[in-house]
């Protein structure tokens, strides 16, 4: 028995569609084992016949993407590159700053101050001026 830490993977409809195009049970088994061994053991398939290899290659990108995602999710270290985004997804601003800005806008509305808008035809409430 080969050991693996991975417990499951998504079997995509595209795998099933390709599997149904194969004629012999031997080819179907080879295709399925290639996917399973890559998903659970990260082993690239070897000695596949031409048709099975062609079928596997058509799904290889998605299979490898799944394996890569699992490795990233199961690792203890954060991924390199992009830092974690803010909850609102805006770069460079903080939730506290955004709340303060919103409070200032509300105060300006209440006091009747004019809020500058890039489109001067729009009033403070967001409606077009008459």
N, C-alpha and C. Protein backbone atom coordinates (compact mmCIF):
# COMPACT_ATOMS: atom_id res chain seq x y z
N UNK A 1 0.84 -1.18 0.00
CA UNK A 1 0.00 0.00 0.00
C UNK A 1 0.89 1.24 0.00
N UNK A 2 0.58 2.19 -0.87
CA UNK A 2 1.34 3.43 -0.96
C UNK A 2 0.70 4.45 -0.02
N UNK A 3 1.53 5.12 0.77
CA UNK A 3 1.03 6.07 1.75
C UNK A 3 0.90 7.47 1.14
N UNK A 4 -0.13 8.16 1.55
CA UNK A 4 -0.35 9.53 1.12
C UNK A 4 -1.08 10.29 2.22
N UNK A 5 -0.83 11.60 2.29
CA UNK A 5 -1.53 12.43 3.27
C UNK A 5 -2.84 12.95 2.70
N UNK A 6 -2.93 12.96 1.40
CA UNK A 6 -4.13 13.49 0.76
C UNK A 6 -5.28 12.50 0.94
N UNK A 7 -6.46 13.01 1.28
CA UNK A 7 -7.58 12.12 1.57
C UNK A 7 -8.60 12.05 0.45
N UNK A 8 -8.66 13.09 -0.41
CA UNK A 8 -9.67 13.13 -1.46
C UNK A 8 -9.26 14.12 -2.54
N UNK A 9 -9.91 14.04 -3.69
CA UNK A 9 -9.76 15.04 -4.74
C UNK A 9 -11.05 15.09 -5.53
N UNK A 10 -11.26 16.18 -6.23
CA UNK A 10 -12.46 16.32 -7.06
C UNK A 10 -12.26 15.60 -8.38
N UNK A 11 -13.19 14.74 -8.70
CA UNK A 11 -13.17 14.04 -9.99
C UNK A 11 -14.06 14.85 -10.92
N UNK A 12 -13.43 15.53 -11.86
CA UNK A 12 -14.15 16.45 -12.73
C UNK A 12 -14.93 15.75 -13.83
N UNK A 13 -15.95 16.41 -14.29
CA UNK A 13 -16.77 15.88 -15.38
C UNK A 13 -15.93 15.66 -16.64
N UNK A 14 -14.95 16.53 -16.86
CA UNK A 14 -14.10 16.38 -18.05
C UNK A 14 -13.32 15.07 -18.01
N UNK A 15 -12.92 14.61 -16.81
CA UNK A 15 -12.25 13.31 -16.71
C UNK A 15 -13.20 12.20 -17.17
N UNK A 16 -14.43 12.30 -16.70
CA UNK A 16 -15.45 11.30 -17.03
C UNK A 16 -15.76 11.30 -18.53
N UNK A 17 -15.84 12.50 -19.12
CA UNK A 17 -16.12 12.58 -20.56
C UNK A 17 -15.00 11.94 -21.38
N UNK A 18 -13.75 12.21 -21.00
CA UNK A 18 -12.62 11.61 -21.71
C UNK A 18 -12.61 10.09 -21.49
N UNK A 19 -12.86 9.67 -20.28
CA UNK A 19 -12.89 8.25 -19.96
C UNK A 19 -13.90 7.51 -20.84
N UNK A 20 -15.05 8.11 -21.07
CA UNK A 20 -16.08 7.46 -21.88
C UNK A 20 -15.72 7.39 -23.36
N UNK A 21 -14.73 8.14 -23.79
CA UNK A 21 -14.28 8.07 -25.18
C UNK A 21 -13.33 6.90 -25.42
N UNK A 22 -12.74 6.39 -24.35
CA UNK A 22 -11.83 5.24 -24.49
C UNK A 22 -12.63 3.97 -24.72
N UNK A 23 -12.12 3.10 -25.58
CA UNK A 23 -12.85 1.90 -25.98
C UNK A 23 -12.64 0.72 -25.03
N UNK A 24 -11.39 0.41 -24.74
CA UNK A 24 -11.15 -0.81 -23.95
C UNK A 24 -11.08 -0.50 -22.46
N UNK A 25 -11.42 -1.52 -21.68
CA UNK A 25 -11.35 -1.39 -20.23
C UNK A 25 -9.91 -1.20 -19.76
N UNK A 26 -8.96 -1.80 -20.46
CA UNK A 26 -7.55 -1.66 -20.12
C UNK A 26 -7.11 -0.19 -20.26
N UNK A 27 -7.54 0.46 -21.34
CA UNK A 27 -7.22 1.88 -21.53
C UNK A 27 -7.89 2.75 -20.48
N UNK A 28 -9.14 2.42 -20.16
CA UNK A 28 -9.85 3.18 -19.14
C UNK A 28 -9.14 3.08 -17.79
N UNK A 29 -8.72 1.87 -17.43
CA UNK A 29 -8.02 1.66 -16.17
C UNK A 29 -6.69 2.43 -16.15
N UNK A 30 -5.96 2.38 -17.25
CA UNK A 30 -4.68 3.11 -17.32
C UNK A 30 -4.89 4.61 -17.14
N UNK A 31 -5.91 5.15 -17.78
CA UNK A 31 -6.22 6.57 -17.67
C UNK A 31 -6.59 6.93 -16.23
N UNK A 32 -7.46 6.14 -15.61
CA UNK A 32 -7.87 6.41 -14.23
C UNK A 32 -6.70 6.30 -13.25
N UNK A 33 -5.86 5.29 -13.43
CA UNK A 33 -4.72 5.11 -12.54
C UNK A 33 -3.71 6.25 -12.71
N UNK A 34 -3.57 6.76 -13.93
CA UNK A 34 -2.67 7.90 -14.15
C UNK A 34 -3.15 9.12 -13.37
N UNK A 35 -4.46 9.38 -13.41
CA UNK A 35 -5.02 10.51 -12.66
C UNK A 35 -4.89 10.28 -11.16
N UNK A 36 -5.26 9.10 -10.70
CA UNK A 36 -5.23 8.80 -9.26
C UNK A 36 -3.81 8.88 -8.71
N UNK A 37 -2.84 8.29 -9.42
CA UNK A 37 -1.46 8.32 -8.94
C UNK A 37 -0.89 9.74 -8.92
N UNK A 38 -1.29 10.55 -9.88
CA UNK A 38 -0.83 11.94 -9.88
C UNK A 38 -1.47 12.71 -8.72
N UNK A 39 -2.75 12.52 -8.51
CA UNK A 39 -3.46 13.24 -7.45
C UNK A 39 -2.97 12.86 -6.05
N UNK A 40 -2.84 11.58 -5.79
CA UNK A 40 -2.51 11.14 -4.45
C UNK A 40 -1.01 11.03 -4.19
N UNK A 41 -0.23 10.65 -5.19
CA UNK A 41 1.19 10.40 -4.99
C UNK A 41 2.10 11.39 -5.71
N UNK A 42 1.52 12.24 -6.53
CA UNK A 42 2.25 13.20 -7.36
C UNK A 42 3.27 12.48 -8.26
N UNK A 43 2.84 11.34 -8.79
CA UNK A 43 3.67 10.56 -9.71
C UNK A 43 3.19 10.80 -11.13
N UNK A 44 4.12 11.16 -12.00
CA UNK A 44 3.77 11.32 -13.40
C UNK A 44 3.59 9.94 -14.04
N UNK A 45 2.63 9.81 -14.93
CA UNK A 45 2.38 8.51 -15.55
C UNK A 45 3.52 8.11 -16.50
N UNK A 46 3.77 6.82 -16.53
CA UNK A 46 4.81 6.28 -17.42
C UNK A 46 4.21 5.14 -18.24
N UNK A 47 4.78 4.93 -19.39
CA UNK A 47 4.43 3.80 -20.26
C UNK A 47 2.95 3.74 -20.63
N UNK A 48 2.35 4.89 -20.88
CA UNK A 48 0.97 4.90 -21.36
C UNK A 48 1.00 4.73 -22.88
N UNK A 49 0.03 3.99 -23.39
CA UNK A 49 -0.02 3.87 -24.85
C UNK A 49 -0.45 5.21 -25.45
N UNK A 50 -0.36 5.34 -26.74
CA UNK A 50 -0.57 6.62 -27.41
C UNK A 50 -1.94 7.23 -27.09
N UNK A 51 -2.99 6.46 -27.18
CA UNK A 51 -4.34 6.98 -26.98
C UNK A 51 -4.55 7.41 -25.53
N UNK A 52 -4.12 6.60 -24.58
CA UNK A 52 -4.29 6.92 -23.17
C UNK A 52 -3.44 8.15 -22.82
N UNK A 53 -2.23 8.20 -23.34
CA UNK A 53 -1.37 9.35 -23.10
C UNK A 53 -2.00 10.63 -23.65
N UNK A 54 -2.58 10.55 -24.82
CA UNK A 54 -3.26 11.70 -25.42
C UNK A 54 -4.42 12.15 -24.53
N UNK A 55 -5.18 11.21 -24.02
CA UNK A 55 -6.30 11.53 -23.12
C UNK A 55 -5.79 12.16 -21.83
N UNK A 56 -4.72 11.61 -21.27
CA UNK A 56 -4.17 12.16 -20.03
C UNK A 56 -3.65 13.57 -20.26
N UNK A 57 -2.94 13.76 -21.36
CA UNK A 57 -2.38 15.08 -21.65
C UNK A 57 -3.47 16.14 -21.80
N UNK A 58 -4.64 15.73 -22.28
CA UNK A 58 -5.74 16.69 -22.43
C UNK A 58 -6.26 17.16 -21.07
N UNK A 59 -6.01 16.39 -20.02
CA UNK A 59 -6.48 16.73 -18.67
C UNK A 59 -5.34 17.11 -17.73
N UNK A 60 -4.11 17.03 -18.22
CA UNK A 60 -2.93 17.22 -17.38
C UNK A 60 -2.92 18.57 -16.66
N UNK A 61 -3.26 19.63 -17.37
CA UNK A 61 -3.22 20.95 -16.75
C UNK A 61 -4.14 21.01 -15.52
N UNK A 62 -5.35 20.52 -15.65
CA UNK A 62 -6.29 20.57 -14.53
C UNK A 62 -5.85 19.67 -13.38
N UNK A 63 -5.31 18.51 -13.71
CA UNK A 63 -4.83 17.59 -12.67
C UNK A 63 -3.67 18.23 -11.90
N UNK A 64 -2.72 18.80 -12.62
CA UNK A 64 -1.57 19.42 -11.97
C UNK A 64 -1.97 20.65 -11.17
N UNK A 65 -2.95 21.38 -11.66
CA UNK A 65 -3.46 22.54 -10.93
C UNK A 65 -4.07 22.10 -9.60
N UNK A 66 -4.78 20.99 -9.62
CA UNK A 66 -5.38 20.46 -8.40
C UNK A 66 -4.31 20.02 -7.40
N UNK A 67 -3.28 19.35 -7.89
CA UNK A 67 -2.19 18.88 -7.03
C UNK A 67 -1.46 20.08 -6.43
N UNK A 68 -1.19 21.08 -7.24
CA UNK A 68 -0.50 22.28 -6.77
C UNK A 68 -1.34 23.00 -5.71
N UNK A 69 -2.64 23.09 -5.92
CA UNK A 69 -3.51 23.72 -4.94
C UNK A 69 -3.53 22.98 -3.63
N UNK A 70 -3.54 21.65 -3.69
CA UNK A 70 -3.53 20.86 -2.47
C UNK A 70 -2.21 21.05 -1.72
N UNK A 71 -1.09 21.06 -2.45
CA UNK A 71 0.21 21.26 -1.81
C UNK A 71 0.26 22.63 -1.12
N UNK A 72 -0.25 23.64 -1.79
CA UNK A 72 -0.24 24.99 -1.22
C UNK A 72 -1.12 25.04 0.03
N UNK A 73 -2.28 24.43 -0.02
CA UNK A 73 -3.22 24.46 1.10
C UNK A 73 -2.72 23.63 2.28
N UNK A 74 -1.98 22.59 2.01
CA UNK A 74 -1.53 21.71 3.09
C UNK A 74 -0.18 22.11 3.67
N UNK A 75 0.49 23.08 3.05
CA UNK A 75 1.79 23.50 3.57
C UNK A 75 1.59 24.45 4.75
N UNK A 76 2.60 24.52 5.59
CA UNK A 76 2.54 25.38 6.77
C UNK A 76 2.95 26.81 6.47
N UNK A 77 3.68 27.00 5.39
CA UNK A 77 4.18 28.33 5.06
C UNK A 77 3.22 29.03 4.11
N UNK A 78 3.08 30.35 4.25
CA UNK A 78 2.20 31.08 3.33
C UNK A 78 2.83 31.12 1.94
N UNK A 79 2.01 31.25 0.90
CA UNK A 79 2.55 31.28 -0.46
C UNK A 79 3.38 32.54 -0.69
N UNK A 80 4.41 32.40 -1.54
CA UNK A 80 5.25 33.55 -1.88
C UNK A 80 4.51 34.41 -2.90
N UNK A 81 4.92 35.67 -2.97
CA UNK A 81 4.33 36.53 -4.00
C UNK A 81 3.37 37.51 -3.40
N UNK A 82 2.11 37.36 -3.69
CA UNK A 82 1.10 38.33 -3.26
C UNK A 82 0.86 38.23 -1.75
N UNK A 83 0.91 39.37 -1.06
CA UNK A 83 0.57 39.36 0.37
C UNK A 83 -0.92 39.18 0.55
N UNK A 84 -1.36 38.77 1.72
CA UNK A 84 -2.80 38.61 1.95
C UNK A 84 -3.52 39.94 1.73
N UNK A 85 -4.67 39.89 1.12
CA UNK A 85 -5.40 41.12 0.82
C UNK A 85 -6.24 41.54 2.01
N UNK A 86 -6.64 42.81 1.99
CA UNK A 86 -7.53 43.34 3.03
C UNK A 86 -8.89 42.70 2.89
N UNK A 87 -9.70 42.71 3.95
CA UNK A 87 -11.03 42.10 3.85
C UNK A 87 -11.87 42.68 2.73
N UNK A 88 -11.72 43.98 2.47
CA UNK A 88 -12.50 44.59 1.40
C UNK A 88 -11.77 44.49 0.06
N UNK A 89 -10.55 43.94 0.07
CA UNK A 89 -9.83 43.72 -1.17
C UNK A 89 -9.13 44.95 -1.71
N UNK A 90 -9.15 46.07 -0.99
CA UNK A 90 -8.49 47.27 -1.49
C UNK A 90 -7.06 47.30 -1.01
N UNK A 91 -6.16 47.65 -1.89
CA UNK A 91 -4.75 47.67 -1.56
C UNK A 91 -4.40 49.00 -0.92
N UNK A 92 -3.69 48.97 0.19
CA UNK A 92 -3.17 50.17 0.79
C UNK A 92 -4.10 50.86 1.78
N UNK A 93 -5.31 50.47 1.91
CA UNK A 93 -6.20 51.11 2.88
C UNK A 93 -6.55 50.12 3.98
N UNK A 94 -6.92 50.69 5.11
CA UNK A 94 -7.26 49.86 6.25
C UNK A 94 -8.73 50.07 6.61
N UNK A 95 -9.36 49.06 7.19
CA UNK A 95 -10.78 49.21 7.54
C UNK A 95 -11.05 50.40 8.45
N UNK A 96 -10.13 50.72 9.39
CA UNK A 96 -10.34 51.86 10.27
C UNK A 96 -10.35 53.16 9.49
N UNK A 97 -9.42 53.28 8.53
CA UNK A 97 -9.36 54.49 7.71
C UNK A 97 -10.62 54.65 6.88
N UNK A 98 -11.11 53.55 6.35
CA UNK A 98 -12.33 53.60 5.54
C UNK A 98 -13.53 54.02 6.39
N UNK A 99 -13.62 53.53 7.61
CA UNK A 99 -14.72 53.91 8.50
C UNK A 99 -14.65 55.39 8.83
N UNK A 100 -13.44 55.89 9.06
CA UNK A 100 -13.27 57.31 9.36
C UNK A 100 -13.69 58.17 8.17
N UNK A 101 -13.32 57.77 6.98
CA UNK A 101 -13.70 58.51 5.77
C UNK A 101 -15.22 58.52 5.60
N UNK A 102 -15.84 57.37 5.85
CA UNK A 102 -17.30 57.29 5.74
C UNK A 102 -17.98 58.21 6.76
N UNK A 103 -17.45 58.26 7.98
CA UNK A 103 -18.00 59.12 9.02
C UNK A 103 -17.88 60.60 8.62
N UNK A 104 -16.73 60.96 8.04
CA UNK A 104 -16.53 62.33 7.60
C UNK A 104 -17.53 62.71 6.51
N UNK A 105 -17.76 61.82 5.58
CA UNK A 105 -18.73 62.08 4.50
C UNK A 105 -20.14 62.27 5.07
N UNK A 106 -20.48 61.43 6.04
CA UNK A 106 -21.81 61.54 6.67
C UNK A 106 -21.95 62.89 7.38
N UNK A 107 -20.91 63.32 8.08
CA UNK A 107 -20.95 64.60 8.77
C UNK A 107 -21.13 65.74 7.77
N UNK A 108 -20.41 65.65 6.64
CA UNK A 108 -20.51 66.69 5.62
C UNK A 108 -21.91 66.75 5.03
N UNK A 109 -22.52 65.59 4.85
CA UNK A 109 -23.89 65.55 4.33
C UNK A 109 -24.85 66.23 5.31
N UNK A 110 -24.68 65.89 6.59
CA UNK A 110 -25.56 66.44 7.62
C UNK A 110 -25.40 67.95 7.75
N UNK A 111 -24.18 68.42 7.63
CA UNK A 111 -23.92 69.85 7.78
C UNK A 111 -24.26 70.63 6.52
N UNK A 112 -24.54 69.94 5.43
CA UNK A 112 -24.91 70.60 4.19
C UNK A 112 -23.73 71.06 3.36
N UNK A 113 -22.57 70.61 3.68
CA UNK A 113 -21.39 70.98 2.90
C UNK A 113 -21.47 70.30 1.53
N UNK A 114 -20.86 70.93 0.57
CA UNK A 114 -20.81 70.37 -0.77
C UNK A 114 -19.64 69.39 -0.83
N UNK A 115 -19.93 68.19 -1.30
CA UNK A 115 -18.90 67.18 -1.46
C UNK A 115 -18.50 67.19 -2.93
N UNK A 116 -17.23 67.39 -3.19
CA UNK A 116 -16.74 67.41 -4.56
C UNK A 116 -16.87 66.01 -5.15
N UNK A 117 -17.32 65.96 -6.37
CA UNK A 117 -17.47 64.71 -7.10
C UNK A 117 -16.79 64.88 -8.43
N UNK A 118 -16.21 63.84 -8.96
CA UNK A 118 -15.51 63.95 -10.24
C UNK A 118 -16.46 64.39 -11.34
N UNK A 119 -17.74 64.09 -11.17
CA UNK A 119 -18.74 64.54 -12.13
C UNK A 119 -19.57 65.60 -11.42
N UNK A 120 -19.34 66.86 -11.74
CA UNK A 120 -19.99 67.96 -11.01
C UNK A 120 -21.49 68.02 -11.26
N UNK A 121 -22.00 67.22 -12.20
CA UNK A 121 -23.43 67.20 -12.46
C UNK A 121 -24.17 66.31 -11.47
N UNK A 122 -23.46 65.65 -10.59
CA UNK A 122 -24.06 64.74 -9.60
C UNK A 122 -24.07 65.45 -8.25
N UNK A 123 -25.22 65.43 -7.57
CA UNK A 123 -25.29 66.06 -6.25
C UNK A 123 -24.80 65.12 -5.16
N UNK A 124 -24.83 65.59 -3.91
CA UNK A 124 -24.32 64.83 -2.78
C UNK A 124 -25.02 63.48 -2.61
N UNK A 125 -26.28 63.41 -2.94
CA UNK A 125 -27.05 62.17 -2.77
C UNK A 125 -26.90 61.21 -3.94
N UNK A 126 -26.12 61.59 -4.95
CA UNK A 126 -25.87 60.69 -6.07
C UNK A 126 -26.83 60.87 -7.22
N UNK A 127 -27.69 61.88 -7.16
CA UNK A 127 -28.65 62.14 -8.23
C UNK A 127 -28.15 63.26 -9.13
N UNK A 128 -28.56 63.25 -10.35
CA UNK A 128 -28.13 64.29 -11.28
C UNK A 128 -28.80 65.61 -10.91
N UNK A 129 -27.98 66.68 -10.92
CA UNK A 129 -28.49 68.01 -10.61
C UNK A 129 -29.40 68.48 -11.73
N UNK A 130 -30.41 69.27 -11.36
CA UNK A 130 -31.33 69.78 -12.36
C UNK A 130 -30.95 71.15 -12.81
